[in-house]
Amino acid sequence: MRDYMKEDRMPWLAVKYEARSEKITSCSGPGIPCLVLVDAKGQQVLADSFQGDNCGGPQQALAETRRILQRGR
């Protein structure tokens, strides 16, 4: 997993697949990798790599994160 992340230059935190909890599973999309941005309390998914079953890749989640941050200014 680390090699995969390093090769694709994924600078964000990750959870080992085997260590995921029910809460994490409920926030994640149907595929791997799935980049997810949650609110400060971990209650709501603000952005992720999936729209339904369609993967937009981490770029989709990053673009939405940028939009959220720009609105907050």
Protein backbone atom coordinates (compact mmCIF):
# COMPACT_ATOMS: atom_id res chain seq x y z
CA MET A 1 0.00 0.00 0.00
CA ARG A 2 2.79 2.41 0.88
CA ASP A 3 4.59 1.65 -2.38
CA TYR A 4 1.37 2.23 -4.34
CA MET A 5 0.77 5.54 -2.59
CA LYS A 6 4.37 6.64 -3.05
CA GLU A 7 4.36 5.68 -6.75
CA ASP A 8 1.16 7.65 -7.41
CA ARG A 9 2.31 10.55 -5.17
CA MET A 10 -0.59 10.35 -2.73
CA PRO A 11 0.42 12.72 0.10
CA TRP A 12 -2.64 12.23 2.31
CA LEU A 13 -3.20 10.02 5.32
CA ALA A 14 -4.43 6.48 4.77
CA VAL A 15 -6.05 3.75 6.79
CA LYS A 16 -4.86 0.19 6.35
CA TYR A 17 -7.61 -1.76 4.64
CA GLU A 18 -7.54 -4.40 7.39
CA ALA A 19 -7.81 -1.71 10.09
CA ARG A 20 -10.90 0.04 8.76
CA SER A 21 -13.85 0.44 11.10
CA GLU A 22 -17.57 0.41 10.42
CA LYS A 23 -17.55 4.22 10.59
CA ILE A 24 -14.77 4.48 8.01
CA THR A 25 -16.48 1.95 5.76
CA SER A 26 -19.72 3.95 5.92
CA CYS A 27 -17.87 7.07 4.68
CA SER A 28 -15.91 5.47 1.88
CA GLY A 29 -16.85 4.77 -1.70
CA PRO A 30 -17.18 1.37 -3.33
CA GLY A 31 -13.60 1.16 -4.61
CA ILE A 32 -9.96 1.54 -3.76
CA PRO A 33 -8.44 4.07 -3.54
CA CYS A 34 -11.12 6.39 -2.22
CA LEU A 35 -10.10 9.82 -1.00
CA VAL A 36 -12.66 11.19 1.47
CA LEU A 37 -12.92 14.59 3.14
CA VAL A 38 -15.09 14.63 6.26
CA ASP A 39 -16.15 17.50 8.50
CA ALA A 40 -14.21 18.28 11.68
CA LYS A 41 -16.40 15.94 13.74
CA GLY A 42 -16.16 13.09 11.25
CA GLN A 43 -19.93 13.10 10.89
CA GLN A 44 -20.46 14.18 7.29
CA VAL A 45 -18.66 13.38 4.04
CA LEU A 46 -17.88 16.69 2.33
CA ALA A 47 -16.11 15.30 -0.73
CA ASP A 48 -14.95 11.94 -2.05
CA SER A 49 -13.60 10.18 -5.11
CA PHE A 50 -16.93 8.61 -6.06
CA GLN A 51 -20.31 9.74 -7.33
CA GLY A 52 -22.40 6.66 -6.74
CA ASP A 53 -20.43 3.79 -8.26
CA ASN A 54 -18.46 6.05 -10.63
CA CYS A 55 -14.91 6.85 -9.63
CA GLY A 56 -13.73 10.35 -10.44
CA GLY A 57 -10.39 9.62 -8.84
CA PRO A 58 -8.71 11.60 -6.08
CA GLN A 59 -8.69 14.66 -8.37
CA GLN A 60 -12.48 14.87 -7.97
CA ALA A 61 -12.22 14.96 -4.18
CA LEU A 62 -9.34 17.44 -4.29
CA ALA A 63 -11.24 19.77 -6.64
CA GLU A 64 -14.28 19.73 -4.35
CA THR A 65 -12.02 20.35 -1.33
CA ARG A 66 -10.58 23.42 -3.08
CA ARG A 67 -14.12 24.71 -3.80
CA ILE A 68 -15.09 24.22 -0.15
CA LEU A 69 -12.00 26.05 1.08
CA GLN A 70 -12.54 28.94 -1.33
CA ARG A 71 -16.15 29.35 -0.15
CA GLY A 72 -14.92 29.51 3.44
CA ARG A 73 -12.73 32.55 2.83
